[in-house]
C-alpha atoms as a PDB file:
ATOM      1  CA  MET A   1     122.504 160.908  84.174  1.00  0.00           C
ATOM      2  CA  SER A   2     124.036 164.190  84.506  1.00  0.00           C
ATOM      3  CA  LEU A   3     124.838 165.965  87.619  1.00  0.00           C
ATOM      4  CA  GLU A   4     126.404 169.350  86.007  1.00  0.00           C
ATOM      5  CA  ASN A   5     123.301 171.466  87.060  1.00  0.00           C
ATOM      6  CA  ILE A   6     124.168 171.075  90.263  1.00  0.00           C
ATOM      7  CA  ARG A   7     127.050 172.181  92.540  1.00  0.00           C
ATOM      8  CA  ASP A   8     128.284 168.738  95.526  1.00  0.00           C
ATOM      9  CA  ASP A   9     127.878 171.102  97.641  1.00  0.00           C
ATOM     10  CA  GLU A  10     124.102 171.794  97.612  1.00  0.00           C
ATOM     11  CA  VAL A  11     123.118 168.497  98.619  1.00  0.00           C
ATOM     12  CA  ASP A  12     122.625 166.836 101.880  1.00  0.00           C
ATOM     13  CA  ILE A  13     121.371 163.154 101.817  1.00  0.00           C
ATOM     14  CA  VAL A  14     119.626 162.899 105.316  1.00  0.00           C
ATOM     15  CA  ILE A  15     119.480 158.803 106.626  1.00  0.00           C
ATOM     16  CA  GLY A  16     117.058 158.615 109.859  1.00  0.00           C
ATOM     17  CA  ALA A  17     118.594 155.546 111.404  1.00  0.00           C
ATOM     18  CA  LEU A  18     116.548 152.963 112.857  1.00  0.00           C
ATOM     19  CA  HIS A  19     119.553 150.444 112.967  1.00  0.00           C
ATOM     20  CA  SER A  20     122.403 150.260 114.944  1.00  0.00           C
ATOM     21  CA  ASP A  21     124.654 148.253 112.195  1.00  0.00           C
ATOM     22  CA  LEU A  22     124.866 150.760 109.200  1.00  0.00           C
ATOM     23  CA  THR A  23     127.857 148.841 107.636  1.00  0.00           C
ATOM     24  CA  THR A  24     126.002 147.166 104.567  1.00  0.00           C
ATOM     25  CA  PHE A  25     123.713 150.083 103.909  1.00  0.00           C
ATOM     26  CA  MET A  26     126.490 152.109 103.843  1.00  0.00           C
ATOM     27  CA  ASN A  27     128.867 150.351 101.667  1.00  0.00           C
ATOM     28  CA  GLU A  28     125.514 149.522  99.055  1.00  0.00           C
ATOM     29  CA  TRP A  29     125.643 152.687  98.702  1.00  0.00           C
ATOM     30  CA  LYS A  30     128.876 154.650  98.799  1.00  0.00           C
ATOM     31  CA  PRO A  31     129.516 154.534  94.624  1.00  0.00           C
ATOM     32  CA  MET A  32     126.162 157.228  95.188  1.00  0.00           C
ATOM     33  CA  PHE A  33     126.960 158.740  98.584  1.00  0.00           C
ATOM     34  CA  CYS A  34     130.950 159.314  98.509  1.00  0.00           C
ATOM     35  CA  ARG A  35     130.268 162.957  96.500  1.00  0.00           C
ATOM     36  CA  PHE A  36     128.033 163.991  99.244  1.00  0.00           C
ATOM     37  CA  HIS A  37     127.684 165.719 103.076  1.00  0.00           C
ATOM     38  CA  LEU A  38     125.869 162.910 104.758  1.00  0.00           C
ATOM     39  CA  ILE A  39     123.453 164.083 107.962  1.00  0.00           C
ATOM     40  CA  ILE A  40     122.755 160.544 110.227  1.00  0.00           C
ATOM     41  CA  VAL A  41     120.165 161.353 112.918  1.00  0.00           C
ATOM     42  CA  LYS A  42     120.006 158.385 115.517  1.00  0.00           C
ATOM     43  CA  ASP A  43     116.441 157.605 116.276  1.00  0.00           C
ATOM     44  CA  PRO A  44     116.363 158.793 120.015  1.00  0.00           C
ATOM     45  CA  ASP A  45     115.349 155.602 121.209  1.00  0.00           C
ATOM     46  CA  LEU A  46     117.793 153.263 119.846  1.00  0.00           C
ATOM     47  CA  LYS A  47     120.538 152.369 122.633  1.00  0.00           C
ATOM     48  CA  GLU A  48     123.043 150.722 120.873  1.00  0.00           C
ATOM     49  CA  GLU A  49     125.629 152.889 119.452  1.00  0.00           C
ATOM     50  CA  LEU A  50     125.782 153.033 115.728  1.00  0.00           C
ATOM     51  CA  ARG A  51     128.288 150.938 113.465  1.00  0.00           C
ATOM     52  CA  ILE A  52     129.374 153.528 110.046  1.00  0.00           C
ATOM     53  CA  PRO A  53     132.203 152.421 108.169  1.00  0.00           C
ATOM     54  CA  ASP A  54     135.020 154.939 107.067  1.00  0.00           C
ATOM     55  CA  GLY A  55     134.732 157.204 103.984  1.00  0.00           C
ATOM     56  CA  PHE A  56     132.093 159.048 104.153  1.00  0.00           C
ATOM     57  CA  ASN A  57     131.736 163.137 104.718  1.00  0.00           C
ATOM     58  CA  LEU A  58     129.021 163.138 107.165  1.00  0.00           C
ATOM     59  CA  ASN A  59     127.500 164.363 110.686  1.00  0.00           C
ATOM     60  CA  VAL A  60     125.917 161.576 113.157  1.00  0.00           C
ATOM     61  CA  TYR A  61     122.704 163.523 115.575  1.00  0.00           C
ATOM     62  CA  THR A  62     122.055 161.950 118.613  1.00  0.00           C
ATOM     63  CA  LYS A  63     119.524 162.827 121.265  1.00  0.00           C
ATOM     64  CA  SER A  64     121.597 164.603 123.338  1.00  0.00           C
ATOM     65  CA  ASP A  65     121.813 166.903 120.042  1.00  0.00           C
ATOM     66  CA  ILE A  66     118.357 167.411 119.271  1.00  0.00           C
ATOM     67  CA  ASP A  67     117.468 168.357 122.870  1.00  0.00           C
ATOM     68  CA  GLN A  68     120.235 170.776 122.501  1.00  0.00           C
ATOM     69  CA  VAL A  69     118.613 172.221 119.687  1.00  0.00           C
ATOM     70  CA  VAL A  70     114.873 172.139 119.890  1.00  0.00           C
ATOM     71  CA  GLY A  71     114.704 171.329 123.840  1.00  0.00           C
ATOM     72  CA  SER A  72     111.253 170.974 125.334  1.00  0.00           C
ATOM     73  CA  SER A  73     108.988 173.425 124.157  1.00  0.00           C
ATOM     74  CA  THR A  74     107.446 171.870 121.641  1.00  0.00           C
ATOM     75  CA  SER A  75     105.090 169.423 120.319  1.00  0.00           C
ATOM     76  CA  ILE A  76     107.250 167.631 117.928  1.00  0.00           C
ATOM     77  CA  LEU A  77     109.208 164.243 118.500  1.00  0.00           C
ATOM     78  CA  PHE A  78     111.882 163.007 116.923  1.00  0.00           C
ATOM     79  CA  SER A  79     111.584 159.590 117.397  1.00  0.00           C
ATOM     80  CA  GLY A  80     110.999 156.725 115.163  1.00  0.00           C
ATOM     81  CA  TYR A  81     110.968 157.546 111.552  1.00  0.00           C
ATOM     82  CA  SER A  82     110.461 161.248 112.299  1.00  0.00           C
ATOM     83  CA  CYS A  83     113.862 161.438 113.384  1.00  0.00           C
ATOM     84  CA  ARG A  84     115.021 162.463 109.818  1.00  0.00           C
ATOM     85  CA  TYR A  85     113.121 165.578 110.144  1.00  0.00           C
ATOM     86  CA  PHE A  86     115.697 166.966 112.607  1.00  0.00           C
ATOM     87  CA  GLY A  87     118.301 166.339 109.713  1.00  0.00           C
ATOM     88  CA  TYR A  88     116.103 168.666 107.951  1.00  0.00           C
ATOM     89  CA  LEU A  89     115.820 171.048 109.864  1.00  0.00           C
ATOM     90  CA  VAL A  90     119.336 171.395 110.658  1.00  0.00           C
ATOM     91  CA  SER A  91     120.796 170.797 107.209  1.00  0.00           C
ATOM     92  CA  GLN A  92     121.871 174.464 105.377  1.00  0.00           C
ATOM     93  CA  LYS A  93     122.199 173.154 101.693  1.00  0.00           C
ATOM     94  CA  ARG A  94     119.515 173.634  98.559  1.00  0.00           C
ATOM     95  CA  TYR A  95     118.843 170.059  98.335  1.00  0.00           C
ATOM     96  CA  ILE A  96     117.691 167.607 100.498  1.00  0.00           C
ATOM     97  CA  ILE A  97     117.500 163.941  99.359  1.00  0.00           C
ATOM     98  CA  SER A  98     116.051 161.388 102.253  1.00  0.00           C
ATOM     99  CA  MET A  99     116.972 157.494 102.054  1.00  0.00           C
ATOM    100  CA  ASP A 100     115.946 155.081 104.845  1.00  0.00           C
ATOM    101  CA  ASP A 101     118.492 152.475 106.350  1.00  0.00           C
ATOM    102  CA  ASP A 102     116.796 149.253 105.373  1.00  0.00           C
ATOM    103  CA  CYS A 103     116.728 150.412 101.469  1.00  0.00           C
ATOM    104  CA  ILE A 104     119.680 149.400  99.062  1.00  0.00           C
ATOM    105  CA  PRO A 105     120.285 150.682  95.595  1.00  0.00           C
ATOM    106  CA  ALA A 106     117.866 149.274  92.789  1.00  0.00           C
ATOM    107  CA  ARG A 107     118.799 147.614  89.770  1.00  0.00           C
ATOM    108  CA  ASP A 108     117.161 148.522  85.819  1.00  0.00           C
ATOM    109  CA  ASN A 109     115.203 146.429  84.053  1.00  0.00           C
ATOM    110  CA  LYS A 110     119.041 145.631  82.171  1.00  0.00           C
ATOM    111  CA  GLY A 111     120.831 145.011  85.505  1.00  0.00           C
ATOM    112  CA  PHE A 112     122.401 147.841  86.065  1.00  0.00           C
ATOM    113  CA  LEU A 113     122.584 150.037  89.510  1.00  0.00           C
ATOM    114  CA  VAL A 114     120.332 153.149  89.883  1.00  0.00           C
ATOM    115  CA  ASP A 115     121.998 155.800  90.751  1.00  0.00           C
ATOM    116  CA  ALA A 116     118.590 157.327  92.801  1.00  0.00           C
ATOM    117  CA  ILE A 117     121.115 160.147  93.955  1.00  0.00           C
ATOM    118  CA  ALA A 118     121.415 161.681  90.510  1.00  0.00           C
ATOM    119  CA  GLN A 119     117.870 161.101  89.312  1.00  0.00           C
ATOM    120  CA  HIS A 120     116.339 162.771  92.459  1.00  0.00           C
ATOM    121  CA  ILE A 121     118.464 165.794  91.641  1.00  0.00           C
ATOM    122  CA  SER A 122     117.771 165.609  87.714  1.00  0.00           C
ATOM    123  CA  ASN A 123     113.872 165.373  88.674  1.00  0.00           C
ATOM    124  CA  LEU A 124     114.771 168.424  90.572  1.00  0.00           C
ATOM    125  CA  SER A 125     116.807 170.589  88.607  1.00  0.00           C
ATOM    126  CA  THR A 126     114.079 170.308  85.269  1.00  0.00           C
ATOM    127  CA  PRO A 127     110.631 171.959  85.313  1.00  0.00           C
ATOM    128  CA  ALA A 128     107.515 170.173  86.513  1.00  0.00           C
ATOM    129  CA  THR A 129     104.444 170.383  84.404  1.00  0.00           C
ATOM    130  CA  PRO A 130     101.415 170.261  86.991  1.00  0.00           C
ATOM    131  CA  PHE A 131      98.815 172.219  84.665  1.00  0.00           C
ATOM    132  CA  PHE A 132      98.660 170.214  81.409  1.00  0.00           C
ATOM    133  CA  PHE A 133      99.301 166.535  81.675  1.00  0.00           C
ATOM    134  CA  ASN A 134     101.954 165.104  78.655  1.00  0.00           C
ATOM    135  CA  THR A 135     101.261 161.751  77.564  1.00  0.00           C
ATOM    136  CA  LEU A 136     104.602 161.381  77.283  1.00  0.00           C
ATOM    137  CA  TYR A 137     105.347 162.240  80.739  1.00  0.00           C
ATOM    138  CA  ASP A 138     108.599 164.070  81.360  1.00  0.00           C
ATOM    139  CA  PRO A 139     109.505 165.944  78.385  1.00  0.00           C
ATOM    140  CA  PHE A 140     112.601 167.147  79.801  1.00  0.00           C
ATOM    141  CA  ARG A 141     114.085 163.641  80.196  1.00  0.00           C
ATOM    142  CA  GLU A 142     116.377 162.593  77.516  1.00  0.00           C
ATOM    143  CA  GLY A 143     115.094 161.161  74.304  1.00  0.00           C
ATOM    144  CA  ALA A 144     111.019 162.798  75.145  1.00  0.00           C
ATOM    145  CA  ASP A 145     109.501 166.442  74.430  1.00  0.00           C
ATOM    146  CA  PHE A 146     105.727 167.500  74.673  1.00  0.00           C
ATOM    147  CA  VAL A 147     103.253 165.945  72.523  1.00  0.00           C
ATOM    148  CA  ARG A 148     100.898 167.469  69.878  1.00  0.00           C
ATOM    149  CA  GLY A 149      98.448 169.749  71.184  1.00  0.00           C
ATOM    150  CA  TYR A 150     100.562 170.593  74.101  1.00  0.00           C
ATOM    151  CA  PRO A 151      99.746 174.622  74.875  1.00  0.00           C
ATOM    152  CA  PHE A 152     103.196 176.066  73.884  1.00  0.00           C
ATOM    153  CA  SER A 153     102.531 178.960  76.551  1.00  0.00           C
ATOM    154  CA  LEU A 154     102.560 175.904  79.544  1.00  0.00           C
ATOM    155  CA  ARG A 155     106.066 174.314  78.029  1.00  0.00           C
ATOM    156  CA  SER A 156     108.631 176.066  80.409  1.00  0.00           C
ATOM    157  CA  GLY A 157     106.850 174.364  83.236  1.00  0.00           C
ATOM    158  CA  VAL A 158     106.960 175.757  86.895  1.00  0.00           C
ATOM    159  CA  GLN A 159     110.334 174.938  89.149  1.00  0.00           C
ATOM    160  CA  CYS A 160     110.609 171.386  90.567  1.00  0.00           C
ATOM    161  CA  ALA A 161     110.804 171.113  94.293  1.00  0.00           C
ATOM    162  CA  LEU A 162     109.697 167.628  95.147  1.00  0.00           C
ATOM    163  CA  SER A 163     110.849 164.133  93.416  1.00  0.00           C
ATOM    164  CA  CYS A 164     109.016 161.312  95.216  1.00  0.00           C
ATOM    165  CA  GLY A 165     110.760 157.845  94.187  1.00  0.00           C
ATOM    166  CA  LEU A 166     109.401 154.647  94.034  1.00  0.00           C
ATOM    167  CA  TRP A 167     110.223 150.969  95.624  1.00  0.00           C
ATOM    168  CA  LEU A 168     111.207 147.673  94.506  1.00  0.00           C
ATOM    169  CA  ASN A 169     110.658 144.238  96.510  1.00  0.00           C
ATOM    170  CA  LEU A 170     108.677 145.289  99.112  1.00  0.00           C
ATOM    171  CA  ALA A 171     106.349 148.250  98.046  1.00  0.00           C
ATOM    172  CA  ASP A 172     104.381 150.961  99.765  1.00  0.00           C
ATOM    173  CA  TYR A 173     101.062 149.063 100.570  1.00  0.00           C
ATOM    174  CA  ASP A 174      99.090 149.746 103.508  1.00  0.00           C
ATOM    175  CA  ALA A 175      99.208 146.944 106.196  1.00  0.00           C
ATOM    176  CA  PRO A 176      95.447 146.122 105.317  1.00  0.00           C
ATOM    177  CA  THR A 177      96.807 145.514 101.309  1.00  0.00           C
ATOM    178  CA  GLN A 178      99.666 143.802 102.631  1.00  0.00           C
ATOM    179  CA  ALA A 179      98.006 141.522 104.683  1.00  0.00           C
ATOM    180  CA  LEU A 180      95.834 139.938 102.474  1.00  0.00           C
ATOM    181  CA  LYS A 181      98.501 139.342 100.120  1.00  0.00           C
ATOM    182  CA  PRO A 182     101.907 138.591 101.888  1.00  0.00           C
ATOM    183  CA  GLU A 183     103.764 137.540  99.271  1.00  0.00           C
ATOM    184  CA  GLN A 184     102.873 140.457  96.583  1.00  0.00           C
ATOM    185  CA  ARG A 185     105.995 142.147  95.538  1.00  0.00           C
ATOM    186  CA  ASN A 186     106.772 145.198  93.338  1.00  0.00           C
ATOM    187  CA  SER A 187     109.159 143.878  90.640  1.00  0.00           C
ATOM    188  CA  LEU A 188     107.961 146.236  88.145  1.00  0.00           C
ATOM    189  CA  TYR A 189     110.794 148.738  87.203  1.00  0.00           C
ATOM    190  CA  VAL A 190     108.555 151.450  84.804  1.00  0.00           C
ATOM    191  CA  ASP A 191     111.560 153.794  82.771  1.00  0.00           C
ATOM    192  CA  ALA A 192     109.256 156.666  83.703  1.00  0.00           C
ATOM    193  CA  VAL A 193     109.143 160.308  85.460  1.00  0.00           C
ATOM    194  CA  MET A 194     105.992 162.190  85.580  1.00  0.00           C
ATOM    195  CA  THR A 195     104.435 165.539  86.787  1.00  0.00           C
ATOM    196  CA  VAL A 196     101.631 164.488  89.639  1.00  0.00           C
ATOM    197  CA  PRO A 197      98.955 167.060  88.283  1.00  0.00           C
ATOM    198  CA  ALA A 198      97.824 170.079  90.088  1.00  0.00           C
ATOM    199  CA  ALA A 199      94.971 170.144  92.797  1.00  0.00           C
ATOM    200  CA  ALA A 200      95.446 165.688  92.813  1.00  0.00           C
ATOM    201  CA  MET A 201      96.530 165.003  96.509  1.00  0.00           C
ATOM    202  CA  LEU A 202      98.654 162.016  97.162  1.00  0.00           C
ATOM    203  CA  PRO A 203     101.088 160.391 100.130  1.00  0.00           C
ATOM    204  CA  ILE A 204     104.484 160.567  99.955  1.00  0.00           C
ATOM    205  CA  SER A 205     106.900 158.417 101.836  1.00  0.00           C
ATOM    206  CA  GLY A 206     110.183 159.707 103.354  1.00  0.00           C
ATOM    207  CA  ILE A 207     111.802 156.496 102.561  1.00  0.00           C
ATOM    208  CA  ASN A 208     112.723 157.473  99.189  1.00  0.00           C
ATOM    209  CA  VAL A 209     112.255 161.633  98.584  1.00  0.00           C
ATOM    210  CA  ALA A 210     114.092 164.528  97.519  1.00  0.00           C
ATOM    211  CA  PHE A 211     113.161 168.367  97.863  1.00  0.00           C
ATOM    212  CA  ASN A 212     114.191 172.017  97.129  1.00  0.00           C
ATOM    213  CA  ARG A 213     114.686 172.842 100.854  1.00  0.00           C
ATOM    214  CA  GLU A 214     114.902 176.509 100.324  1.00  0.00           C
ATOM    215  CA  VAL A 215     111.488 176.940  98.978  1.00  0.00           C
ATOM    216  CA  LEU A 216     109.648 173.775 100.197  1.00  0.00           C
ATOM    217  CA  GLY A 217     111.319 172.722 103.217  1.00  0.00           C
ATOM    218  CA  PRO A 218     109.075 174.090 105.953  1.00  0.00           C
ATOM    219  CA  ALA A 219     105.970 172.364 104.427  1.00  0.00           C
ATOM    220  CA  LEU A 220     107.700 168.862 105.424  1.00  0.00           C
ATOM    221  CA  ILE A 221     106.448 168.628 108.935  1.00  0.00           C
ATOM    222  CA  PRO A 222     106.739 165.450 111.362  1.00  0.00           C
ATOM    223  CA  ALA A 223     103.032 166.623 112.870  1.00  0.00           C
ATOM    224  CA  LEU A 224     100.312 164.287 112.909  1.00  0.00           C
ATOM    225  CA  ARG A 225     101.277 160.720 115.272  1.00  0.00           C
ATOM    226  CA  LEU A 226      99.342 157.818 115.373  1.00  0.00           C
ATOM    227  CA  ALA A 227      98.320 157.587 119.405  1.00  0.00           C
ATOM    228  CA  GLY A 228      99.609 153.919 118.915  1.00  0.00           C
ATOM    229  CA  GLU A 229     102.134 154.879 116.492  1.00  0.00           C
ATOM    230  CA  GLY A 230     104.745 151.725 116.432  1.00  0.00           C
ATOM    231  CA  LYS A 231     108.690 151.597 115.199  1.00  0.00           C
ATOM    232  CA  LEU A 232     107.622 149.966 111.222  1.00  0.00           C
ATOM    233  CA  ARG A 233     106.008 151.583 108.323  1.00  0.00           C
ATOM    234  CA  TRP A 234     102.343 150.432 108.252  1.00  0.00           C
ATOM    235  CA  GLU A 235     102.561 152.099 111.671  1.00  0.00           C
ATOM    236  CA  THR A 236     102.931 155.418 110.658  1.00  0.00           C
ATOM    237  CA  MET A 237     101.008 158.296 108.771  1.00  0.00           C
ATOM    238  CA  GLU A 238     103.360 161.472 109.981  1.00  0.00           C
ATOM    239  CA  ASP A 239     105.449 161.281 106.068  1.00  0.00           C
ATOM    240  CA  ILE A 240     101.084 160.415 104.744  1.00  0.00           C
ATOM    241  CA  TRP A 241      99.780 163.437 106.656  1.00  0.00           C
ATOM    242  CA  CYS A 242     103.578 165.244 105.656  1.00  0.00           C
ATOM    243  CA  GLY A 243     102.688 164.555 102.055  1.00  0.00           C
ATOM    244  CA  MET A 244      99.041 165.838 101.957  1.00  0.00           C
ATOM    245  CA  CYS A 245      99.915 168.991 103.641  1.00  0.00           C
ATOM    246  CA  VAL A 246     103.271 169.910 101.061  1.00  0.00           C
ATOM    247  CA  LYS A 247     101.216 168.769  97.587  1.00  0.00           C
ATOM    248  CA  PHE A 248      98.768 171.337  98.811  1.00  0.00           C
ATOM    249  CA  VAL A 249     101.227 173.936  99.505  1.00  0.00           C
ATOM    250  CA  CYS A 250     103.131 173.215  96.106  1.00  0.00           C
ATOM    251  CA  ASP A 251      99.916 174.116  94.639  1.00  0.00           C
ATOM    252  CA  HIS A 252      98.837 177.145  96.609  1.00  0.00           C
ATOM    253  CA  LEU A 253     102.541 178.015  95.532  1.00  0.00           C
ATOM    254  CA  GLY A 254     102.641 177.022  91.570  1.00  0.00           C
ATOM    255  CA  LEU A 255     105.642 174.653  92.247  1.00  0.00           C
ATOM    256  CA  GLY A 256     105.882 170.754  90.414  1.00  0.00           C
ATOM    257  CA  VAL A 257     105.940 167.798  92.285  1.00  0.00           C
ATOM    258  CA  LYS A 258     107.572 164.536  90.672  1.00  0.00           C
ATOM    259  CA  THR A 259     107.030 161.211  90.432  1.00  0.00           C
ATOM    260  CA  GLY A 260     108.347 157.802  89.235  1.00  0.00           C
ATOM    261  CA  LEU A 261     112.119 157.510  89.287  1.00  0.00           C
ATOM    262  CA  PRO A 262     114.032 156.653  90.898  1.00  0.00           C
ATOM    263  CA  TYR A 263     113.555 153.421  92.345  1.00  0.00           C
ATOM    264  CA  VAL A 264     114.926 151.656  95.657  1.00  0.00           C
ATOM    265  CA  TRP A 265     115.343 148.312  96.544  1.00  0.00           C
ATOM    266  CA  ARG A 266     113.207 147.925  99.984  1.00  0.00           C
ATOM    267  CA  ASN A 267     113.807 144.924 102.516  1.00  0.00           C
ATOM    268  CA  ASP A 268     111.355 143.253 104.029  1.00  0.00           C
ATOM    269  CA  ARG A 269     110.345 144.336 107.770  1.00  0.00           C
ATOM    270  CA  GLY A 270     107.261 143.645 110.274  1.00  0.00           C
ATOM    271  CA  ASN A 271     104.548 142.088 110.335  1.00  0.00           C
ATOM    272  CA  ALA A 272     101.298 143.427 108.521  1.00  0.00           C
ATOM    273  CA  ILE A 273      98.671 141.824 110.644  1.00  0.00           C
ATOM    274  CA  GLU A 274     100.076 142.895 113.688  1.00  0.00           C
ATOM    275  CA  SER A 275     100.573 146.445 112.470  1.00  0.00           C
ATOM    276  CA  LEU A 276      96.970 146.333 111.049  1.00  0.00           C
ATOM    277  CA  LYS A 277      96.054 147.245 114.685  1.00  0.00           C
ATOM    278  CA  LYS A 278      98.211 150.032 115.123  1.00  0.00           C
ATOM    279  CA  GLU A 279      97.211 151.449 111.396  1.00  0.00           C
ATOM    280  CA  TRP A 280      93.637 151.297 111.187  1.00  0.00           C
ATOM    281  CA  GLU A 281      92.833 154.580 113.776  1.00  0.00           C
ATOM    282  CA  GLY A 282      95.033 156.377 110.466  1.00  0.00           C
ATOM    283  CA  VAL A 283      92.899 154.583 107.722  1.00  0.00           C
ATOM    284  CA  LYS A 284      89.742 155.708 109.352  1.00  0.00           C
ATOM    285  CA  LEU A 285      91.478 159.325 109.367  1.00  0.00           C
ATOM    286  CA  MET A 286      91.965 159.483 106.020  1.00  0.00           C
ATOM    287  CA  GLU A 287      88.624 159.570 104.754  1.00  0.00           C
ATOM    288  CA  GLU A 288      88.315 162.946 106.922  1.00  0.00           C
ATOM    289  CA  VAL A 289      91.580 163.903 105.445  1.00  0.00           C
ATOM    290  CA  VAL A 290      91.068 163.563 101.927  1.00  0.00           C
ATOM    291  CA  PRO A 291      87.428 165.881 101.809  1.00  0.00           C
ATOM    292  CA  PHE A 292      89.148 168.581 103.762  1.00  0.00           C
ATOM    293  CA  PHE A 293      92.094 168.715 101.327  1.00  0.00           C
ATOM    294  CA  GLN A 294      90.040 168.908  98.221  1.00  0.00           C
ATOM    295  CA  SER A 295      87.551 171.648 100.597  1.00  0.00           C
ATOM    296  CA  VAL A 296      90.083 173.760 102.073  1.00  0.00           C
ATOM    297  CA  ARG A 297      92.035 177.202 100.089  1.00  0.00           C
ATOM    298  CA  LEU A 298      94.524 179.348 101.418  1.00  0.00           C
ATOM    299  CA  PRO A 299      94.285 183.262 101.236  1.00  0.00           C
ATOM    300  CA  ALA A 300      96.712 185.264  98.006  1.00  0.00           C
ATOM    301  CA  SER A 301      98.623 186.485 100.994  1.00  0.00           C
ATOM    302  CA  ALA A 302     100.280 182.667 101.814  1.00  0.00           C
ATOM    303  CA  ALA A 303     103.475 183.514  99.565  1.00  0.00           C
ATOM    304  CA  THR A 304     105.763 181.378 101.152  1.00  0.00           C
ATOM    305  CA  ALA A 305     106.016 177.500 102.860  1.00  0.00           C
ATOM    306  CA  GLU A 306     105.928 178.848 106.275  1.00  0.00           C
ATOM    307  CA  ASP A 307     102.944 181.392 105.216  1.00  0.00           C
ATOM    308  CA  CYS A 308     101.040 178.360 104.309  1.00  0.00           C
ATOM    309  CA  ILE A 309     101.700 175.812 106.933  1.00  0.00           C
ATOM    310  CA  VAL A 310     100.552 178.940 109.223  1.00  0.00           C
ATOM    311  CA  GLU A 311      97.686 179.372 107.446  1.00  0.00           C
ATOM    312  CA  LEU A 312      96.542 175.591 106.970  1.00  0.00           C
ATOM    313  CA  ALA A 313      97.300 174.917 110.827  1.00  0.00           C
ATOM    314  CA  LYS A 314      94.285 176.833 111.866  1.00  0.00           C
ATOM    315  CA  VAL A 315      92.429 175.662 109.269  1.00  0.00           C
ATOM    316  CA  VAL A 316      93.036 172.409 110.449  1.00  0.00           C
ATOM    317  CA  LYS A 317      92.202 173.311 113.754  1.00  0.00           C
ATOM    318  CA  GLU A 318      89.045 174.182 112.784  1.00  0.00           C
ATOM    319  CA  ARG A 319      88.029 172.399 111.044  1.00  0.00           C
ATOM    320  CA  LEU A 320      89.227 168.943 111.763  1.00  0.00           C
ATOM    321  CA  GLY A 321      90.078 169.571 115.472  1.00  0.00           C
ATOM    322  CA  ALA A 322      86.288 168.760 116.526  1.00  0.00           C
ATOM    323  CA  VAL A 323      86.337 165.511 114.586  1.00  0.00           C
ATOM    324  CA  ASP A 324      89.240 164.103 116.360  1.00  0.00           C
ATOM    325  CA  PRO A 325      91.857 165.358 118.616  1.00  0.00           C
ATOM    326  CA  VAL A 326      94.865 164.270 116.585  1.00  0.00           C
ATOM    327  CA  PHE A 327      94.321 167.193 114.168  1.00  0.00           C
ATOM    328  CA  THR A 328      94.439 170.000 117.131  1.00  0.00           C
ATOM    329  CA  ARG A 329      97.876 168.194 118.489  1.00  0.00           C
ATOM    330  CA  ALA A 330      98.906 167.774 114.626  1.00  0.00           C
ATOM    331  CA  ALA A 331      98.156 172.078 114.444  1.00  0.00           C
ATOM    332  CA  GLY A 332     100.068 172.893 117.104  1.00  0.00           C
ATOM    333  CA  ALA A 333     102.958 170.586 115.762  1.00  0.00           C
ATOM    334  CA  MET A 334     102.975 172.320 112.781  1.00  0.00           C
ATOM    335  CA  LEU A 335     102.810 176.175 114.386  1.00  0.00           C
ATOM    336  CA  ASP A 336     106.025 174.423 116.589  1.00  0.00           C
ATOM    337  CA  TRP A 337     107.733 173.531 113.477  1.00  0.00           C
ATOM    338  CA  VAL A 338     107.520 176.647 111.589  1.00  0.00           C
ATOM    339  CA  ARG A 339     108.702 178.614 114.636  1.00  0.00           C
ATOM    340  CA  LEU A 340     111.627 175.756 114.997  1.00  0.00           C
ATOM    341  CA  TRP A 341     112.475 176.135 111.392  1.00  0.00           C
ATOM    342  CA  LYS A 342     113.058 179.966 111.680  1.00  0.00           C
ATOM    343  CA  SER A 343     115.149 180.099 114.891  1.00  0.00           C
ATOM    344  CA  VAL A 344     117.837 177.112 114.422  1.00  0.00           C
ATOM    345  CA  GLY A 345     119.701 179.046 112.067  1.00  0.00           C
ATOM    346  CA  SER A 346     122.928 178.393 111.203  1.00  0.00           C
ATOM    347  CA  GLY A 347     123.905 177.322 115.038  1.00  0.00           C
ATOM    348  CA  ALA A 348     122.717 173.868 114.566  1.00  0.00           C
ATOM    349  CA  SER A 349     124.522 173.044 111.425  1.00  0.00           C
ATOM    350  CA  SER A 350     127.831 173.514 113.121  1.00  0.00           C
ATOM    351  CA  LEU A 351     126.700 170.444 116.107  1.00  0.00           C
ATOM    352  CA  ARG A 352     129.155 167.881 115.915  1.00  0.00           C
ATOM    353  CA  ALA A 353     128.001 164.213 117.301  1.00  0.00           C
END
């Protein structure tokens, strides 16, 4: 995989540290991480000191750094999985690649290690085709092209702003599915990348995702938190809501989203049955969220990601706030996030832990 189109200094790898000992994680990723700058954000609720091996170009941000930058005048909480969003906030790079600390590099069907960093950059640096589906998937991959009947007027594609990778081993099931199929694991490695069609909704996971921060950064928001939110993937909904918002913004702005490669290997963690008690609130909320995003439209004057989130927050509060107070809080967090994004500037990037 060539990285010729992207300079090393245009990329930050953001890692949300929910575990104190990052030694194994960092060493597993060292061949891919060593070329790039890393931002490690320690979960503010994690009491132990982080253990990080030498040999990396990185900055670590702790609770004191978060408090210094964000202050207390915000509804946004950077705890748990949401700590990664602080890394998005303080980065000054064009591209962000987000990787969780319970994942290691996957291997492809031939047994070779997958360079997830290179694949994400390849996805972001080649066009996406959201307005007409290509049945050979991504026509910009080596060895592929547009199929017969694909309109030539659409073959130049649009800018790809978001790359959503997948997981091997523990797939991104919800708690009910995982509880019913406790032994089920994802071993199917599909060597494919596809553009998600315009107007199609999808959840995303911040575990293995990359995006163009310059054009899309403000649309990745830690806004919706469940009342009993926990520290396990099944017990959160912040990235599900984020995925709905960011895809909606991409569609409005004419940007592309790719999914498929790259894979990572995710280790087992948590108890699905116990987590189901906390996730059930989010399962019910999705029945309100989907019709909302199917029907909402933004004015043409919303020309940037910041504009879109501000306008979307207004409609969320107006139409969903009466359904559940969690949406009113989410709307407030969306506005706070845009204010933070505009105010942080280059000052935060100079912090050193």
